[in-house]
Amino acid sequence: MNFLARTFSIFMMVLFASGTNALADASKTLSEEHIKELALEAILENPAIIEEAIQRLQKVRQEQRQAGVKNIIELRRDTLENDPNAPVLGNPSGDVTLVEFFDYNCPYCKRAKPELEALLETDANVRLVFREWPILGAGSVFAARAALAARKQGKYEDFHWALMGFKGRIDETSTMKVARQIGLDVEQLKSDMEDPSITEHIQLSMALAQDLNITGTPSFVIGDDVFPGLLTRDQLAKVVAENR
């Protein structure tokens, strides 16, 4: 298919999908060949119409994707918000739940740390559910397993914030260094890292991210929407207020 044919196809799809263009209305009385002639004539006279058509098509597709994500969130909401195998910070009985997908080696996740801490400090009714999603290498996987294992010693929250605040690459050495600094029993931690529930948590994070078309960290699920990328405390607070 040559360029003109491709652009014409895009143009026609958008026109008929929108249902508002005069050409779509004219299709009731004009022949298909005549419609093509009119469309090609319009394109040749005003090439910018192609850009507009593509933008409209992208908008339609984005709306379709968003609708699909909302449906998936609704189907998976209980798992997203109430998985007993997922750490919960903030108010366990809070009226709005945020779910964060993150990686300890993600620089934007590290930048999200003070924003999330500020939100929890200023809003006593937020539940923050963490989904360990180690996608940036073996060091990230080791850190995620160690963090989840720290639950057995009641130090997940301290360990999580400490790992997020660590300056430099998170790997096995730096993870254990931070573990010692916050008072974890490292030998017990290593043993607890083999618990099958840790593998289950990470595998579920992978499955949920795939279902929701989440492609990077951090990503937040709040209400019926997915918010990819870094959000400031003010942006988070605005979304929380809208959902509340």
C-alpha atoms as a PDB file:
ATOM      1  CA  MET A   1       0.000   0.000   0.000  1.00  0.00           C
ATOM      2  CA  ASN A   2       1.552   3.342  -1.086  1.00  0.00           C
ATOM      3  CA  PHE A   3       1.600   6.515   1.020  1.00  0.00           C
ATOM      4  CA  LEU A   4      -1.455   8.064  -0.596  1.00  0.00           C
ATOM      5  CA  ALA A   5      -3.496   4.903  -0.109  1.00  0.00           C
ATOM      6  CA  ARG A   6      -2.440   4.630   3.534  1.00  0.00           C
ATOM      7  CA  THR A   7      -3.259   8.250   4.299  1.00  0.00           C
ATOM      8  CA  PHE A   8      -6.549   7.967   2.463  1.00  0.00           C
ATOM      9  CA  SER A   9      -7.462   4.892   4.519  1.00  0.00           C
ATOM     10  CA  ILE A  10      -6.675   6.745   7.748  1.00  0.00           C
ATOM     11  CA  PHE A  11      -8.668   9.741   6.554  1.00  0.00           C
ATOM     12  CA  MET A  12     -11.720   7.658   5.715  1.00  0.00           C
ATOM     13  CA  MET A  13     -11.597   5.650   8.951  1.00  0.00           C
ATOM     14  CA  VAL A  14     -11.631   8.793  11.022  1.00  0.00           C
ATOM     15  CA  LEU A  15     -14.399  10.404   9.026  1.00  0.00           C
ATOM     16  CA  PHE A  16     -16.729   7.472   9.375  1.00  0.00           C
ATOM     17  CA  ALA A  17     -15.732   6.721  12.988  1.00  0.00           C
ATOM     18  CA  SER A  18     -16.544  10.267  14.051  1.00  0.00           C
ATOM     19  CA  GLY A  19     -19.977  10.251  12.468  1.00  0.00           C
ATOM     20  CA  THR A  20     -19.950  14.066  12.334  1.00  0.00           C
ATOM     21  CA  ASN A  21     -18.292  14.877   9.034  1.00  0.00           C
ATOM     22  CA  ALA A  22     -20.355  15.985   6.095  1.00  0.00           C
ATOM     23  CA  LEU A  23     -18.630  13.447   3.890  1.00  0.00           C
ATOM     24  CA  ALA A  24     -19.865  10.641   6.123  1.00  0.00           C
ATOM     25  CA  ASP A  25     -23.388  11.995   5.804  1.00  0.00           C
ATOM     26  CA  ALA A  26     -22.990  12.284   2.063  1.00  0.00           C
ATOM     27  CA  SER A  27     -22.137   8.583   1.840  1.00  0.00           C
ATOM     28  CA  LYS A  28     -25.848   7.854   2.103  1.00  0.00           C
ATOM     29  CA  THR A  29     -26.438   9.260  -1.369  1.00  0.00           C
ATOM     30  CA  LEU A  30     -23.045   9.320  -3.132  1.00  0.00           C
ATOM     31  CA  SER A  31     -21.359   6.334  -4.727  1.00  0.00           C
ATOM     32  CA  GLU A  32     -18.194   4.896  -3.161  1.00  0.00           C
ATOM     33  CA  GLU A  33     -16.138   6.009  -6.146  1.00  0.00           C
ATOM     34  CA  HIS A  34     -17.446   9.560  -5.901  1.00  0.00           C
ATOM     35  CA  ILE A  35     -16.692   9.647  -2.170  1.00  0.00           C
ATOM     36  CA  LYS A  36     -13.110   8.583  -2.886  1.00  0.00           C
ATOM     37  CA  GLU A  37     -12.741  11.305  -5.486  1.00  0.00           C
ATOM     38  CA  LEU A  38     -14.031  13.946  -3.080  1.00  0.00           C
ATOM     39  CA  ALA A  39     -11.765  12.730  -0.281  1.00  0.00           C
ATOM     40  CA  LEU A  40      -8.657  12.661  -2.491  1.00  0.00           C
ATOM     41  CA  GLU A  41      -9.465  16.092  -3.840  1.00  0.00           C
ATOM     42  CA  ALA A  42      -9.791  17.426  -0.290  1.00  0.00           C
ATOM     43  CA  ILE A  43      -6.468  15.841   0.692  1.00  0.00           C
ATOM     44  CA  LEU A  44      -4.625  17.276  -2.325  1.00  0.00           C
ATOM     45  CA  GLU A  45      -6.050  20.745  -1.755  1.00  0.00           C
ATOM     46  CA  ASN A  46      -5.310  20.711   1.967  1.00  0.00           C
ATOM     47  CA  PRO A  47      -2.556  18.230   2.985  1.00  0.00           C
ATOM     48  CA  ALA A  48      -2.884  19.370   6.614  1.00  0.00           C
ATOM     49  CA  ILE A  49      -6.146  17.452   6.738  1.00  0.00           C
ATOM     50  CA  ILE A  50      -4.084  14.241   6.977  1.00  0.00           C
ATOM     51  CA  GLU A  51      -2.436  15.394  10.194  1.00  0.00           C
ATOM     52  CA  GLU A  52      -5.830  16.292  11.623  1.00  0.00           C
ATOM     53  CA  ALA A  53      -7.245  12.917  10.613  1.00  0.00           C
ATOM     54  CA  ILE A  54      -4.343  11.062  12.227  1.00  0.00           C
ATOM     55  CA  GLN A  55      -4.735  13.073  15.413  1.00  0.00           C
ATOM     56  CA  ARG A  56      -8.435  12.260  15.525  1.00  0.00           C
ATOM     57  CA  LEU A  57      -7.734   8.578  14.931  1.00  0.00           C
ATOM     58  CA  GLN A  58      -5.144   8.573  17.718  1.00  0.00           C
ATOM     59  CA  LYS A  59      -7.688  10.195  20.014  1.00  0.00           C
ATOM     60  CA  VAL A  60     -10.288   7.550  19.177  1.00  0.00           C
ATOM     61  CA  ARG A  61      -7.796   4.759  19.809  1.00  0.00           C
ATOM     62  CA  GLN A  62      -6.639   6.346  23.083  1.00  0.00           C
ATOM     63  CA  GLU A  63     -10.236   6.569  24.268  1.00  0.00           C
ATOM     64  CA  GLN A  64     -10.740   2.916  23.346  1.00  0.00           C
ATOM     65  CA  ARG A  65      -7.605   1.912  25.269  1.00  0.00           C
ATOM     66  CA  GLN A  66      -8.698   3.927  28.301  1.00  0.00           C
ATOM     67  CA  ALA A  67     -12.105   2.285  28.238  1.00  0.00           C
ATOM     68  CA  GLY A  68     -10.422  -1.116  28.077  1.00  0.00           C
ATOM     69  CA  VAL A  69      -8.143  -0.285  31.017  1.00  0.00           C
ATOM     70  CA  LYS A  70     -11.105   0.874  33.093  1.00  0.00           C
ATOM     71  CA  ASN A  71     -12.834  -2.435  32.456  1.00  0.00           C
ATOM     72  CA  ILE A  72      -9.744  -4.384  33.476  1.00  0.00           C
ATOM     73  CA  ILE A  73      -9.309  -2.311  36.634  1.00  0.00           C
ATOM     74  CA  GLU A  74     -12.904  -3.038  37.567  1.00  0.00           C
ATOM     75  CA  LEU A  75     -12.380  -6.762  37.001  1.00  0.00           C
ATOM     76  CA  ARG A  76      -9.084  -6.793  38.922  1.00  0.00           C
ATOM     77  CA  ARG A  77      -9.875  -4.182  41.563  1.00  0.00           C
ATOM     78  CA  ASP A  78     -10.077  -6.577  44.489  1.00  0.00           C
ATOM     79  CA  THR A  79      -6.703  -8.096  43.606  1.00  0.00           C
ATOM     80  CA  LEU A  80      -5.139  -4.689  43.045  1.00  0.00           C
ATOM     81  CA  GLU A  81      -6.386  -3.138  46.259  1.00  0.00           C
ATOM     82  CA  ASN A  82      -6.838  -6.043  48.667  1.00  0.00           C
ATOM     83  CA  ASP A  83      -4.167  -8.617  47.880  1.00  0.00           C
ATOM     84  CA  PRO A  84      -3.179  -9.950  51.343  1.00  0.00           C
ATOM     85  CA  ASN A  85       0.291 -10.623  49.950  1.00  0.00           C
ATOM     86  CA  ALA A  86       0.929  -6.938  49.144  1.00  0.00           C
ATOM     87  CA  PRO A  87       2.386  -4.447  51.647  1.00  0.00           C
ATOM     88  CA  VAL A  88       0.059  -1.637  52.720  1.00  0.00           C
ATOM     89  CA  LEU A  89       1.243   1.684  54.116  1.00  0.00           C
ATOM     90  CA  GLY A  90      -0.721   4.668  55.341  1.00  0.00           C
ATOM     91  CA  ASN A  91      -4.181   4.021  56.743  1.00  0.00           C
ATOM     92  CA  PRO A  92      -5.200   0.348  56.260  1.00  0.00           C
ATOM     93  CA  SER A  93      -8.842   1.508  56.466  1.00  0.00           C
ATOM     94  CA  GLY A  94      -8.381   4.585  54.294  1.00  0.00           C
ATOM     95  CA  ASP A  95     -11.157   5.695  51.970  1.00  0.00           C
ATOM     96  CA  VAL A  96      -8.945   6.026  48.854  1.00  0.00           C
ATOM     97  CA  THR A  97      -6.411   3.425  47.726  1.00  0.00           C
ATOM     98  CA  LEU A  98      -3.318   4.112  45.657  1.00  0.00           C
ATOM     99  CA  VAL A  99      -1.473   1.191  44.101  1.00  0.00           C
ATOM    100  CA  GLU A 100       2.122   1.858  43.056  1.00  0.00           C
ATOM    101  CA  PHE A 101       4.136  -0.343  40.690  1.00  0.00           C
ATOM    102  CA  PHE A 102       7.816   0.417  41.247  1.00  0.00           C
ATOM    103  CA  ASP A 103      11.428  -0.727  40.972  1.00  0.00           C
ATOM    104  CA  TYR A 104      14.196   0.147  43.448  1.00  0.00           C
ATOM    105  CA  ASN A 105      16.549   1.060  40.592  1.00  0.00           C
ATOM    106  CA  CYS A 106      14.089   3.410  38.926  1.00  0.00           C
ATOM    107  CA  PRO A 107      15.270   7.028  39.374  1.00  0.00           C
ATOM    108  CA  TYR A 108      11.735   8.367  39.033  1.00  0.00           C
ATOM    109  CA  CYS A 109      10.530   5.954  41.712  1.00  0.00           C
ATOM    110  CA  LYS A 110      13.205   7.382  43.987  1.00  0.00           C
ATOM    111  CA  ARG A 111      11.984  10.886  43.178  1.00  0.00           C
ATOM    112  CA  ALA A 112       8.444   9.761  44.017  1.00  0.00           C
ATOM    113  CA  LYS A 113       9.556   8.772  47.544  1.00  0.00           C
ATOM    114  CA  PRO A 114       9.300  12.251  49.160  1.00  0.00           C
ATOM    115  CA  GLU A 115       6.069  12.949  47.255  1.00  0.00           C
ATOM    116  CA  LEU A 116       4.419   9.816  48.645  1.00  0.00           C
ATOM    117  CA  GLU A 117       5.768  10.453  52.136  1.00  0.00           C
ATOM    118  CA  ALA A 118       4.375  13.987  52.024  1.00  0.00           C
ATOM    119  CA  LEU A 119       0.982  12.695  50.872  1.00  0.00           C
ATOM    120  CA  LEU A 120       0.805  10.163  53.719  1.00  0.00           C
ATOM    121  CA  GLU A 121       1.825  12.830  56.225  1.00  0.00           C
ATOM    122  CA  THR A 122      -0.879  15.249  55.099  1.00  0.00           C
ATOM    123  CA  ASP A 123      -3.723  12.816  54.387  1.00  0.00           C
ATOM    124  CA  ALA A 124      -4.590  10.324  57.102  1.00  0.00           C
ATOM    125  CA  ASN A 125      -7.176   8.517  54.958  1.00  0.00           C
ATOM    126  CA  VAL A 126      -4.985   7.207  52.150  1.00  0.00           C
ATOM    127  CA  ARG A 127      -4.113   3.523  51.690  1.00  0.00           C
ATOM    128  CA  LEU A 128      -0.907   2.959  49.764  1.00  0.00           C
ATOM    129  CA  VAL A 129      -0.531  -0.530  48.302  1.00  0.00           C
ATOM    130  CA  PHE A 130       2.906  -1.461  47.028  1.00  0.00           C
ATOM    131  CA  ARG A 131       3.449  -3.766  44.065  1.00  0.00           C
ATOM    132  CA  GLU A 132       7.078  -4.781  43.850  1.00  0.00           C
ATOM    133  CA  TRP A 133       7.734  -4.885  40.102  1.00  0.00           C
ATOM    134  CA  PRO A 134      11.468  -5.481  39.554  1.00  0.00           C
ATOM    135  CA  ILE A 135      12.048  -4.933  35.852  1.00  0.00           C
ATOM    136  CA  LEU A 136      15.477  -3.271  35.809  1.00  0.00           C
ATOM    137  CA  GLY A 137      17.794  -6.188  36.295  1.00  0.00           C
ATOM    138  CA  ALA A 138      18.963  -8.801  38.775  1.00  0.00           C
ATOM    139  CA  GLY A 139      19.735  -6.198  41.446  1.00  0.00           C
ATOM    140  CA  SER A 140      16.149  -5.015  41.355  1.00  0.00           C
ATOM    141  CA  VAL A 141      14.868  -8.570  41.720  1.00  0.00           C
ATOM    142  CA  PHE A 142      17.147  -9.219  44.699  1.00  0.00           C
ATOM    143  CA  ALA A 143      16.066  -5.975  46.389  1.00  0.00           C
ATOM    144  CA  ALA A 144      12.374  -6.697  45.819  1.00  0.00           C
ATOM    145  CA  ARG A 145      12.704 -10.176  47.313  1.00  0.00           C
ATOM    146  CA  ALA A 146      14.631  -8.799  50.283  1.00  0.00           C
ATOM    147  CA  ALA A 147      12.078  -6.049  50.895  1.00  0.00           C
ATOM    148  CA  LEU A 148       9.178  -8.491  50.833  1.00  0.00           C
ATOM    149  CA  ALA A 149      11.101 -10.855  53.123  1.00  0.00           C
ATOM    150  CA  ALA A 150      11.551  -8.021  55.627  1.00  0.00           C
ATOM    151  CA  ARG A 151       7.840  -8.337  56.419  1.00  0.00           C
ATOM    152  CA  LYS A 152       8.700 -11.363  58.565  1.00  0.00           C
ATOM    153  CA  GLN A 153      10.730  -9.037  60.824  1.00  0.00           C
ATOM    154  CA  GLY A 154       8.164  -6.243  60.764  1.00  0.00           C
ATOM    155  CA  LYS A 155      10.494  -3.865  58.934  1.00  0.00           C
ATOM    156  CA  TYR A 156       9.126  -3.660  55.407  1.00  0.00           C
ATOM    157  CA  GLU A 157       8.255   0.042  55.603  1.00  0.00           C
ATOM    158  CA  ASP A 158      11.608   1.075  57.058  1.00  0.00           C
ATOM    159  CA  PHE A 159      13.487  -1.076  54.553  1.00  0.00           C
ATOM    160  CA  HIS A 160      11.441   0.186  51.605  1.00  0.00           C
ATOM    161  CA  TRP A 161      12.058   3.868  52.325  1.00  0.00           C
ATOM    162  CA  ALA A 162      15.721   3.200  53.058  1.00  0.00           C
ATOM    163  CA  LEU A 163      16.207   1.388  49.742  1.00  0.00           C
ATOM    164  CA  MET A 164      14.413   4.162  47.903  1.00  0.00           C
ATOM    165  CA  GLY A 165      16.628   6.716  49.590  1.00  0.00           C
ATOM    166  CA  PHE A 166      19.869   4.897  48.804  1.00  0.00           C
ATOM    167  CA  LYS A 167      22.210   6.876  46.544  1.00  0.00           C
ATOM    168  CA  GLY A 168      23.523   4.620  43.828  1.00  0.00           C
ATOM    169  CA  ARG A 169      22.760   1.330  42.156  1.00  0.00           C
ATOM    170  CA  ILE A 170      20.757  -1.182  44.165  1.00  0.00           C
ATOM    171  CA  ASP A 171      22.264  -4.653  43.965  1.00  0.00           C
ATOM    172  CA  GLU A 172      22.859  -7.543  46.360  1.00  0.00           C
ATOM    173  CA  THR A 173      25.692  -5.763  48.189  1.00  0.00           C
ATOM    174  CA  SER A 174      23.905  -2.437  48.647  1.00  0.00           C
ATOM    175  CA  THR A 175      20.649  -4.172  49.608  1.00  0.00           C
ATOM    176  CA  MET A 176      22.340  -6.065  52.423  1.00  0.00           C
ATOM    177  CA  LYS A 177      24.209  -2.936  53.486  1.00  0.00           C
ATOM    178  CA  VAL A 178      20.903  -1.086  53.900  1.00  0.00           C
ATOM    179  CA  ALA A 179      19.382  -4.117  55.665  1.00  0.00           C
ATOM    180  CA  ARG A 180      22.124  -4.032  58.312  1.00  0.00           C
ATOM    181  CA  GLN A 181      21.780  -0.274  58.711  1.00  0.00           C
ATOM    182  CA  ILE A 182      18.115  -0.528  59.671  1.00  0.00           C
ATOM    183  CA  GLY A 183      18.701  -3.443  62.041  1.00  0.00           C
ATOM    184  CA  LEU A 184      17.486  -6.426  60.033  1.00  0.00           C
ATOM    185  CA  ASP A 185      18.778  -9.882  60.873  1.00  0.00           C
ATOM    186  CA  VAL A 186      20.521 -10.521  57.547  1.00  0.00           C
ATOM    187  CA  GLU A 187      20.754 -14.287  57.931  1.00  0.00           C
ATOM    188  CA  GLN A 188      17.046 -14.562  58.661  1.00  0.00           C
ATOM    189  CA  LEU A 189      16.361 -12.196  55.776  1.00  0.00           C
ATOM    190  CA  LYS A 190      18.257 -14.432  53.346  1.00  0.00           C
ATOM    191  CA  SER A 191      16.268 -17.425  54.512  1.00  0.00           C
ATOM    192  CA  ASP A 192      12.935 -15.603  54.325  1.00  0.00           C
ATOM    193  CA  MET A 193      13.695 -14.481  50.769  1.00  0.00           C
ATOM    194  CA  GLU A 194      13.036 -18.053  49.631  1.00  0.00           C
ATOM    195  CA  ASP A 195       9.420 -17.962  50.817  1.00  0.00           C
ATOM    196  CA  PRO A 196       7.120 -18.907  47.886  1.00  0.00           C
ATOM    197  CA  SER A 197       4.823 -15.991  48.724  1.00  0.00           C
ATOM    198  CA  ILE A 198       7.539 -13.604  47.511  1.00  0.00           C
ATOM    199  CA  THR A 199       7.672 -15.216  44.081  1.00  0.00           C
ATOM    200  CA  GLU A 200       3.872 -15.145  43.994  1.00  0.00           C
ATOM    201  CA  HIS A 201       3.813 -11.409  44.722  1.00  0.00           C
ATOM    202  CA  ILE A 202       6.295 -10.576  41.958  1.00  0.00           C
ATOM    203  CA  GLN A 203       4.596 -12.846  39.435  1.00  0.00           C
ATOM    204  CA  LEU A 204       1.235 -11.259  40.198  1.00  0.00           C
ATOM    205  CA  SER A 205       2.764  -7.790  39.754  1.00  0.00           C
ATOM    206  CA  MET A 206       4.006  -8.858  36.329  1.00  0.00           C
ATOM    207  CA  ALA A 207       0.576 -10.217  35.370  1.00  0.00           C
ATOM    208  CA  LEU A 208      -1.292  -7.132  36.587  1.00  0.00           C
ATOM    209  CA  ALA A 209       1.098  -4.784  34.789  1.00  0.00           C
ATOM    210  CA  GLN A 210       0.600  -6.720  31.568  1.00  0.00           C
ATOM    211  CA  ASP A 211      -3.185  -6.715  31.964  1.00  0.00           C
ATOM    212  CA  LEU A 212      -3.209  -2.966  32.560  1.00  0.00           C
ATOM    213  CA  ASN A 213      -0.703  -2.238  29.784  1.00  0.00           C
ATOM    214  CA  ILE A 214       1.686  -0.675  32.295  1.00  0.00           C
ATOM    215  CA  THR A 215       5.061  -0.320  30.607  1.00  0.00           C
ATOM    216  CA  GLY A 216       7.219   1.614  33.067  1.00  0.00           C
ATOM    217  CA  THR A 217       7.807   2.681  36.645  1.00  0.00           C
ATOM    218  CA  PRO A 218       6.515   4.312  38.632  1.00  0.00           C
ATOM    219  CA  SER A 219       2.905   3.752  37.665  1.00  0.00           C
ATOM    220  CA  PHE A 220      -0.075   4.392  39.903  1.00  0.00           C
ATOM    221  CA  VAL A 221      -3.538   2.889  39.820  1.00  0.00           C
ATOM    222  CA  ILE A 222      -6.016   5.194  41.518  1.00  0.00           C
ATOM    223  CA  GLY A 223      -9.742   4.706  41.185  1.00  0.00           C
ATOM    224  CA  ASP A 224     -10.520   3.776  37.584  1.00  0.00           C
ATOM    225  CA  ASP A 225      -7.326   5.094  36.030  1.00  0.00           C
ATOM    226  CA  VAL A 226      -3.663   4.283  35.511  1.00  0.00           C
ATOM    227  CA  PHE A 227      -1.236   7.179  35.922  1.00  0.00           C
ATOM    228  CA  PRO A 228       2.166   6.409  34.373  1.00  0.00           C
ATOM    229  CA  GLY A 229       5.223   8.296  35.534  1.00  0.00           C
ATOM    230  CA  LEU A 230       6.165  10.541  38.424  1.00  0.00           C
ATOM    231  CA  LEU A 231       3.375  12.406  40.212  1.00  0.00           C
ATOM    232  CA  THR A 232       3.992  15.197  42.721  1.00  0.00           C
ATOM    233  CA  ARG A 233       2.286  15.326  46.095  1.00  0.00           C
ATOM    234  CA  ASP A 234      -0.082  17.990  44.782  1.00  0.00           C
ATOM    235  CA  GLN A 235      -0.965  15.904  41.739  1.00  0.00           C
ATOM    236  CA  LEU A 236      -1.530  12.832  43.894  1.00  0.00           C
ATOM    237  CA  ALA A 237      -3.646  14.836  46.335  1.00  0.00           C
ATOM    238  CA  LYS A 238      -5.773  16.168  43.461  1.00  0.00           C
ATOM    239  CA  VAL A 239      -6.469  12.667  42.136  1.00  0.00           C
ATOM    240  CA  VAL A 240      -7.221  11.400  45.648  1.00  0.00           C
ATOM    241  CA  ALA A 241      -9.671  14.265  46.212  1.00  0.00           C
ATOM    242  CA  GLU A 242     -11.405  13.541  42.904  1.00  0.00           C
ATOM    243  CA  ASN A 243     -11.814   9.873  43.840  1.00  0.00           C
ATOM    244  CA  ARG A 244     -12.912  10.691  47.351  1.00  0.00           C
END
